[in-house]
Amino acid sequence: CCTFQHWVYEKTNGNLLVTDLQGVGMKLTDVGIAT
């Protein structure tokens, strides 16, 4: 999940971050996005 955040951050040139990654195992829900 932390790597996913880093990947999105790099892909969007630091303009967007997926936050609040939560869920059961590898299935996530109720996430947030900061721009």
All heavy atoms as atom14 arrays in JSON, in Angstrom:
{
  "sequence": "CCTFQHWVYEKTNGNLLVTDLQGVGMKLTDVGIAT",
  "atom14_mask": [
    [1, 1, 1, 1, 1, 1, 0, 0, 0, 0, 0, 0, 0, 0],
    [1, 1, 1, 1, 1, 1, 0, 0, 0, 0, 0, 0, 0, 0],
    [1, 1, 1, 1, 1, 1, 1, 0, 0, 0, 0, 0, 0, 0],
    [1, 1, 1, 1, 1, 1, 1, 1, 1, 1, 1, 0, 0, 0],
    [1, 1, 1, 1, 1, 1, 1, 1, 1, 0, 0, 0, 0, 0],
    [1, 1, 1, 1, 1, 1, 1, 1, 1, 1, 0, 0, 0, 0],
    [1, 1, 1, 1, 1, 1, 1, 1, 1, 1, 1, 1, 1, 1],
    [1, 1, 1, 1, 1, 1, 1, 0, 0, 0, 0, 0, 0, 0],
    [1, 1, 1, 1, 1, 1, 1, 1, 1, 1, 1, 1, 0, 0],
    [1, 1, 1, 1, 1, 1, 1, 1, 1, 0, 0, 0, 0, 0],
    [1, 1, 1, 1, 1, 1, 1, 1, 1, 0, 0, 0, 0, 0],
    [1, 1, 1, 1, 1, 1, 1, 0, 0, 0, 0, 0, 0, 0],
    [1, 1, 1, 1, 1, 1, 1, 1, 0, 0, 0, 0, 0, 0],
    [1, 1, 1, 1, 0, 0, 0, 0, 0, 0, 0, 0, 0, 0],
    [1, 1, 1, 1, 1, 1, 1, 1, 0, 0, 0, 0, 0, 0],
    [1, 1, 1, 1, 1, 1, 1, 1, 0, 0, 0, 0, 0, 0],
    [1, 1, 1, 1, 1, 1, 1, 1, 0, 0, 0, 0, 0, 0],
    [1, 1, 1, 1, 1, 1, 1, 0, 0, 0, 0, 0, 0, 0],
    [1, 1, 1, 1, 1, 1, 1, 0, 0, 0, 0, 0, 0, 0],
    [1, 1, 1, 1, 1, 1, 1, 1, 0, 0, 0, 0, 0, 0],
    [1, 1, 1, 1, 1, 1, 1, 1, 0, 0, 0, 0, 0, 0],
    [1, 1, 1, 1, 1, 1, 1, 1, 1, 0, 0, 0, 0, 0],
    [1, 1, 1, 1, 0, 0, 0, 0, 0, 0, 0, 0, 0, 0],
    [1, 1, 1, 1, 1, 1, 1, 0, 0, 0, 0, 0, 0, 0],
    [1, 1, 1, 1, 0, 0, 0, 0, 0, 0, 0, 0, 0, 0],
    [1, 1, 1, 1, 1, 1, 1, 1, 0, 0, 0, 0, 0, 0],
    [1, 1, 1, 1, 1, 1, 1, 1, 1, 0, 0, 0, 0, 0],
    [1, 1, 1, 1, 1, 1, 1, 1, 0, 0, 0, 0, 0, 0],
    [1, 1, 1, 1, 1, 1, 1, 0, 0, 0, 0, 0, 0, 0],
    [1, 1, 1, 1, 1, 1, 1, 1, 0, 0, 0, 0, 0, 0],
    [1, 1, 1, 1, 1, 1, 1, 0, 0, 0, 0, 0, 0, 0],
    [1, 1, 1, 1, 0, 0, 0, 0, 0, 0, 0, 0, 0, 0],
    [1, 1, 1, 1, 1, 1, 1, 1, 0, 0, 0, 0, 0, 0],
    [1, 1, 1, 1, 1, 0, 0, 0, 0, 0, 0, 0, 0, 0],
    [1, 1, 1, 1, 1, 1, 1, 0, 0, 0, 0, 0, 0, 0]
  ],
  "atom14_positions": [
    [[0.84, -1.2, 0.0], [0.0, 0.0, 0.0], [0.88, 1.25, 0.0], [0.6, 2.21, -0.72], [-0.93, 0.02, 1.21], [-2.3, -1.13, 1.07], [0.0, 0.0, 0.0], [0.0, 0.0, 0.0], [0.0, 0.0, 0.0], [0.0, 0.0, 0.0], [0.0, 0.0, 0.0], [0.0, 0.0, 0.0], [0.0, 0.0, 0.0], [0.0, 0.0, 0.0]],
    [[1.93, 1.24, 0.81], [2.85, 2.39, 0.86], [3.54, 2.57, -0.49], [3.73, 3.7, -0.95], [3.88, 2.21, 1.97], [3.15, 2.37, 3.6], [0.0, 0.0, 0.0], [0.0, 0.0, 0.0], [0.0, 0.0, 0.0], [0.0, 0.0, 0.0], [0.0, 0.0, 0.0], [0.0, 0.0, 0.0], [0.0, 0.0, 0.0], [0.0, 0.0, 0.0]],
    [[3.89, 1.45, -1.13], [4.5, 1.51, -2.45], [3.5, 2.06, -3.47], [3.85, 2.86, -4.34], [5.01, 0.13, -2.88], [6.02, -0.29, -1.95], [5.6, 0.14, -4.28], [0.0, 0.0, 0.0], [0.0, 0.0, 0.0], [0.0, 0.0, 0.0], [0.0, 0.0, 0.0], [0.0, 0.0, 0.0], [0.0, 0.0, 0.0], [0.0, 0.0, 0.0]],
    [[2.23, 1.64, -3.34], [1.18, 2.15, -4.23], [1.09, 3.67, -4.1], [1.01, 4.4, -5.09], [-0.16, 1.48, -3.9], [-1.35, 2.06, -4.62], [-1.35, 2.17, -6.01], [-2.46, 2.5, -3.92], [-2.45, 2.71, -6.68], [-3.56, 3.03, -4.59], [-3.56, 3.14, -5.97], [0.0, 0.0, 0.0], [0.0, 0.0, 0.0], [0.0, 0.0, 0.0]],
    [[1.13, 4.17, -2.84], [1.07, 5.62, -2.63], [2.25, 6.29, -3.33], [2.09, 7.32, -3.98], [1.13, 5.93, -1.14], [-0.16, 5.59, -0.4], [-0.1, 6.11, 1.02], [0.71, 5.67, 1.84], [-0.96, 7.05, 1.34], [0.0, 0.0, 0.0], [0.0, 0.0, 0.0], [0.0, 0.0, 0.0], [0.0, 0.0, 0.0], [0.0, 0.0, 0.0]],
    [[3.44, 5.72, -3.17], [4.65, 6.29, -3.77], [4.53, 6.26, -5.3], [4.86, 7.24, -5.98], [5.87, 5.49, -3.3], [7.18, 6.09, -3.69], [8.38, 5.6, -3.23], [7.49, 7.12, -4.51], [9.37, 6.33, -3.76], [8.85, 7.24, -4.55], [0.0, 0.0, 0.0], [0.0, 0.0, 0.0], [0.0, 0.0, 0.0], [0.0, 0.0, 0.0]],
    [[4.02, 5.16, -5.83], [3.87, 5.0, -7.27], [2.93, 6.07, -7.85], [3.23, 6.71, -8.86], [3.35, 3.58, -7.56], [3.19, 3.27, -9.01], [4.14, 2.8, -9.87], [1.99, 3.4, -9.78], [3.61, 2.63, -11.12], [2.29, 2.99, -11.11], [0.69, 3.82, -9.48], [1.34, 2.99, -12.13], [-0.25, 3.82, -10.5], [0.06, 3.41, -11.8]],
    [[1.78, 6.26, -7.19], [0.8, 7.26, -7.65], [1.42, 8.66, -7.55], [1.29, 9.48, -8.46], [-0.51, 7.2, -6.83], [-1.4, 8.4, -7.12], [-1.26, 5.9, -7.13], [0.0, 0.0, 0.0], [0.0, 0.0, 0.0], [0.0, 0.0, 0.0], [0.0, 0.0, 0.0], [0.0, 0.0, 0.0], [0.0, 0.0, 0.0], [0.0, 0.0, 0.0]],
    [[2.12, 8.91, -6.45], [2.76, 10.21, -6.23], [3.73, 10.5, -7.39], [3.74, 11.59, -7.94], [3.5, 10.18, -4.89], [4.32, 11.41, -4.6], [3.76, 12.52, -3.98], [5.68, 11.47, -4.96], [4.52, 13.66, -3.72], [6.43, 12.6, -4.71], [5.85, 13.69, -4.09], [6.6, 14.81, -3.85], [0.0, 0.0, 0.0], [0.0, 0.0, 0.0]],
    [[4.53, 9.49, -7.75], [5.51, 9.68, -8.83], [4.81, 9.81, -10.19], [5.16, 10.67, -10.99], [6.51, 8.52, -8.85], [7.77, 8.84, -9.63], [8.88, 7.8, -9.45], [9.51, 7.77, -8.38], [9.1, 7.03, -10.39], [0.0, 0.0, 0.0], [0.0, 0.0, 0.0], [0.0, 0.0, 0.0], [0.0, 0.0, 0.0], [0.0, 0.0, 0.0]],
    [[3.81, 8.97, -10.44], [3.06, 8.98, -11.72], [2.42, 10.34, -11.97], [2.27, 10.77, -13.1], [1.94, 7.93, -11.68], [2.34, 6.59, -12.22], [2.18, 6.51, -13.73], [2.7, 5.26, -14.35], [4.15, 5.16, -14.48], [0.0, 0.0, 0.0], [0.0, 0.0, 0.0], [0.0, 0.0, 0.0], [0.0, 0.0, 0.0], [0.0, 0.0, 0.0]],
    [[1.96, 10.99, -10.9], [1.24, 12.26, -11.05], [2.14, 13.45, -10.73], [1.65, 14.55, -10.47], [0.0, 12.28, -10.13], [0.44, 12.18, -8.77], [-0.97, 11.16, -10.43], [0.0, 0.0, 0.0], [0.0, 0.0, 0.0], [0.0, 0.0, 0.0], [0.0, 0.0, 0.0], [0.0, 0.0, 0.0], [0.0, 0.0, 0.0], [0.0, 0.0, 0.0]],
    [[3.45, 13.22, -10.73], [4.42, 14.29, -10.44], [4.16, 15.0, -9.12], [4.28, 16.22, -9.02], [4.45, 15.32, -11.57], [4.9, 14.7, -12.87], [5.86, 13.93, -12.88], [4.2, 14.98, -13.95], [0.0, 0.0, 0.0], [0.0, 0.0, 0.0], [0.0, 0.0, 0.0], [0.0, 0.0, 0.0], [0.0, 0.0, 0.0], [0.0, 0.0, 0.0]],
    [[3.73, 14.22, -8.13], [3.52, 14.79, -6.8], [2.24, 15.61, -6.66], [2.05, 16.33, -5.7], [0.0, 0.0, 0.0], [0.0, 0.0, 0.0], [0.0, 0.0, 0.0], [0.0, 0.0, 0.0], [0.0, 0.0, 0.0], [0.0, 0.0, 0.0], [0.0, 0.0, 0.0], [0.0, 0.0, 0.0], [0.0, 0.0, 0.0], [0.0, 0.0, 0.0]],
    [[1.34, 15.47, -7.65], [0.09, 16.25, -7.61], [-1.06, 15.51, -6.94], [-2.06, 16.11, -6.59], [-0.35, 16.6, -9.04], [0.49, 17.71, -9.62], [0.41, 18.86, -9.19], [1.35, 17.38, -10.57], [0.0, 0.0, 0.0], [0.0, 0.0, 0.0], [0.0, 0.0, 0.0], [0.0, 0.0, 0.0], [0.0, 0.0, 0.0], [0.0, 0.0, 0.0]],
    [[-0.9, 14.19, -6.81], [-2.03, 13.41, -6.29], [-1.5, 12.28, -5.41], [-0.45, 11.72, -5.69], [-2.82, 12.84, -7.48], [-4.09, 12.05, -7.17], [-5.14, 12.33, -8.25], [-3.84, 10.56, -7.11], [0.0, 0.0, 0.0], [0.0, 0.0, 0.0], [0.0, 0.0, 0.0], [0.0, 0.0, 0.0], [0.0, 0.0, 0.0], [0.0, 0.0, 0.0]],
    [[-2.23, 12.0, -4.34], [-1.85, 10.93, -3.42], [-3.1, 10.19, -2.98], [-4.08, 10.81, -2.57], [-1.16, 11.54, -2.19], [-0.66, 10.54, -1.15], [0.55, 9.77, -1.66], [-0.29, 11.26, 0.14], [0.0, 0.0, 0.0], [0.0, 0.0, 0.0], [0.0, 0.0, 0.0], [0.0, 0.0, 0.0], [0.0, 0.0, 0.0], [0.0, 0.0, 0.0]],
    [[-3.06, 8.86, -3.08], [-4.18, 8.07, -2.55], [-3.88, 7.86, -1.07], [-2.8, 7.43, -0.7], [-4.31, 6.73, -3.29], [-5.47, 5.92, -2.73], [-4.52, 6.96, -4.78], [0.0, 0.0, 0.0], [0.0, 0.0, 0.0], [0.0, 0.0, 0.0], [0.0, 0.0, 0.0], [0.0, 0.0, 0.0], [0.0, 0.0, 0.0], [0.0, 0.0, 0.0]],
    [[-4.84, 8.22, -0.22], [-4.62, 8.15, 1.22], [-5.66, 7.23, 1.86], [-6.54, 6.71, 1.17], [-4.76, 9.55, 1.86], [-6.12, 9.96, 1.72], [-3.85, 10.55, 1.21], [0.0, 0.0, 0.0], [0.0, 0.0, 0.0], [0.0, 0.0, 0.0], [0.0, 0.0, 0.0], [0.0, 0.0, 0.0], [0.0, 0.0, 0.0], [0.0, 0.0, 0.0]],
    [[-5.55, 7.06, 3.17], [-6.55, 6.28, 3.89], [-6.73, 4.89, 3.3], [-7.85, 4.44, 3.12], [-7.9, 7.01, 3.82], [-8.29, 7.52, 5.19], [-7.46, 7.41, 6.09], [-9.41, 8.03, 5.37], [0.0, 0.0, 0.0], [0.0, 0.0, 0.0], [0.0, 0.0, 0.0], [0.0, 0.0, 0.0], [0.0, 0.0, 0.0], [0.0, 0.0, 0.0]],
    [[-5.62, 4.23, 2.98], [-5.73, 2.88, 2.42], [-6.06, 1.92, 3.55], [-5.31, 1.81, 4.51], [-4.43, 2.48, 1.73], [-4.09, 3.33, 0.5], [-2.68, 3.05, 0.03], [-5.07, 3.08, -0.63], [0.0, 0.0, 0.0], [0.0, 0.0, 0.0], [0.0, 0.0, 0.0], [0.0, 0.0, 0.0], [0.0, 0.0, 0.0], [0.0, 0.0, 0.0]],
    [[-7.2, 1.28, 3.44], [-7.65, 0.39, 4.52], [-8.52, -0.7, 3.93], [-9.1, -0.55, 2.88], [-8.44, 1.21, 5.54], [-9.57, 2.03, 4.93], [-10.09, 3.07, 5.89], [-10.19, 2.83, 7.08], [-10.43, 4.24, 5.38], [0.0, 0.0, 0.0], [0.0, 0.0, 0.0], [0.0, 0.0, 0.0], [0.0, 0.0, 0.0], [0.0, 0.0, 0.0]],
    [[-8.55, -1.81, 4.64], [-9.36, -2.91, 4.16], [-8.97, -4.21, 4.82], [-8.39, -4.24, 5.9], [0.0, 0.0, 0.0], [0.0, 0.0, 0.0], [0.0, 0.0, 0.0], [0.0, 0.0, 0.0], [0.0, 0.0, 0.0], [0.0, 0.0, 0.0], [0.0, 0.0, 0.0], [0.0, 0.0, 0.0], [0.0, 0.0, 0.0], [0.0, 0.0, 0.0]],
    [[-9.3, -5.31, 4.14], [-9.02, -6.64, 4.66], [-8.04, -7.29, 3.7], [-8.35, -7.45, 2.51], [-10.32, -7.47, 4.77], [-10.02, -8.9, 5.21], [-11.3, -6.81, 5.74], [0.0, 0.0, 0.0], [0.0, 0.0, 0.0], [0.0, 0.0, 0.0], [0.0, 0.0, 0.0], [0.0, 0.0, 0.0], [0.0, 0.0, 0.0], [0.0, 0.0, 0.0]],
    [[-6.87, -7.62, 4.22], [-5.85, -8.2, 3.34], [-5.52, -7.25, 2.21], [-5.23, -6.09, 2.43], [0.0, 0.0, 0.0], [0.0, 0.0, 0.0], [0.0, 0.0, 0.0], [0.0, 0.0, 0.0], [0.0, 0.0, 0.0], [0.0, 0.0, 0.0], [0.0, 0.0, 0.0], [0.0, 0.0, 0.0], [0.0, 0.0, 0.0], [0.0, 0.0, 0.0]],
    [[-5.61, -7.74, 0.98], [-5.25, -6.93, -0.19], [-6.46, -6.22, -0.78], [-6.36, -5.58, -1.82], [-4.62, -7.82, -1.26], [-3.32, -8.44, -0.84], [-1.92, -7.33, -1.11], [-0.59, -8.36, -0.49], [0.0, 0.0, 0.0], [0.0, 0.0, 0.0], [0.0, 0.0, 0.0], [0.0, 0.0, 0.0], [0.0, 0.0, 0.0], [0.0, 0.0, 0.0]],
    [[-7.63, -6.37, -0.14], [-8.83, -5.71, -0.67], [-9.09, -4.44, 0.12], [-9.28, -4.48, 1.34], [-10.05, -6.64, -0.59], [-9.98, -7.72, -1.64], [-11.27, -8.51, -1.71], [-11.23, -9.49, -2.87], [-12.35, -9.34, -3.77], [0.0, 0.0, 0.0], [0.0, 0.0, 0.0], [0.0, 0.0, 0.0], [0.0, 0.0, 0.0], [0.0, 0.0, 0.0]],
    [[-9.07, -3.31, -0.58], [-9.15, -2.02, 0.1], [-10.45, -1.31, -0.23], [-11.01, -1.47, -1.31], [-7.98, -1.13, -0.34], [-6.59, -1.77, -0.31], [-5.57, -0.84, -0.93], [-6.2, -2.11, 1.13], [0.0, 0.0, 0.0], [0.0, 0.0, 0.0], [0.0, 0.0, 0.0], [0.0, 0.0, 0.0], [0.0, 0.0, 0.0], [0.0, 0.0, 0.0]],
    [[-10.89, -0.47, 0.71], [-12.09, 0.33, 0.48], [-12.01, 1.61, 1.29], [-11.14, 1.77, 2.14], [-13.36, -0.46, 0.86], [-14.49, 0.34, 0.49], [-13.43, -0.77, 2.35], [0.0, 0.0, 0.0], [0.0, 0.0, 0.0], [0.0, 0.0, 0.0], [0.0, 0.0, 0.0], [0.0, 0.0, 0.0], [0.0, 0.0, 0.0], [0.0, 0.0, 0.0]],
    [[-12.96, 2.51, 1.03], [-13.11, 3.72, 1.83], [-11.83, 4.56, 1.81], [-11.41, 5.1, 2.82], [-13.44, 3.32, 3.28], [-14.41, 4.29, 3.91], [-14.9, 5.17, 3.17], [-14.67, 4.2, 5.12], [0.0, 0.0, 0.0], [0.0, 0.0, 0.0], [0.0, 0.0, 0.0], [0.0, 0.0, 0.0], [0.0, 0.0, 0.0], [0.0, 0.0, 0.0]],
    [[-11.2, 4.64, 0.64], [-9.94, 5.37, 0.53], [-10.21, 6.85, 0.29], [-11.34, 7.25, 0.02], [-9.08, 4.79, -0.63], [-8.78, 3.32, -0.4], [-9.73, 5.0, -1.99], [0.0, 0.0, 0.0], [0.0, 0.0, 0.0], [0.0, 0.0, 0.0], [0.0, 0.0, 0.0], [0.0, 0.0, 0.0], [0.0, 0.0, 0.0], [0.0, 0.0, 0.0]],
    [[-9.16, 7.64, 0.42], [-9.27, 9.08, 0.15], [-8.25, 9.46, -0.9], [-7.34, 8.69, -1.22], [0.0, 0.0, 0.0], [0.0, 0.0, 0.0], [0.0, 0.0, 0.0], [0.0, 0.0, 0.0], [0.0, 0.0, 0.0], [0.0, 0.0, 0.0], [0.0, 0.0, 0.0], [0.0, 0.0, 0.0], [0.0, 0.0, 0.0], [0.0, 0.0, 0.0]],
    [[-8.39, 10.66, -1.43], [-7.39, 11.17, -2.37], [-7.08, 12.61, -1.99], [-8.0, 13.41, -1.76], [-7.88, 11.11, -3.84], [-7.98, 9.64, -4.31], [-6.94, 11.88, -4.77], [-8.44, 9.47, -5.76], [0.0, 0.0, 0.0], [0.0, 0.0, 0.0], [0.0, 0.0, 0.0], [0.0, 0.0, 0.0], [0.0, 0.0, 0.0], [0.0, 0.0, 0.0]],
    [[-5.8, 12.91, -1.92], [-5.37, 14.3, -1.71], [-4.78, 14.8, -3.02], [-4.02, 14.08, -3.67], [-4.32, 14.35, -0.6], [0.0, 0.0, 0.0], [0.0, 0.0, 0.0], [0.0, 0.0, 0.0], [0.0, 0.0, 0.0], [0.0, 0.0, 0.0], [0.0, 0.0, 0.0], [0.0, 0.0, 0.0], [0.0, 0.0, 0.0], [0.0, 0.0, 0.0]],
    [[-5.17, 16.01, -3.41], [-4.55, 16.63, -4.59], [-4.05, 17.99, -4.16], [-4.5, 18.54, -3.14], [-5.57, 16.84, -5.74], [-6.7, 17.55, -5.23], [-6.0, 15.54, -6.36], [0.0, 0.0, 0.0], [0.0, 0.0, 0.0], [0.0, 0.0, 0.0], [0.0, 0.0, 0.0], [0.0, 0.0, 0.0], [0.0, 0.0, 0.0], [0.0, 0.0, 0.0]]
  ]
}
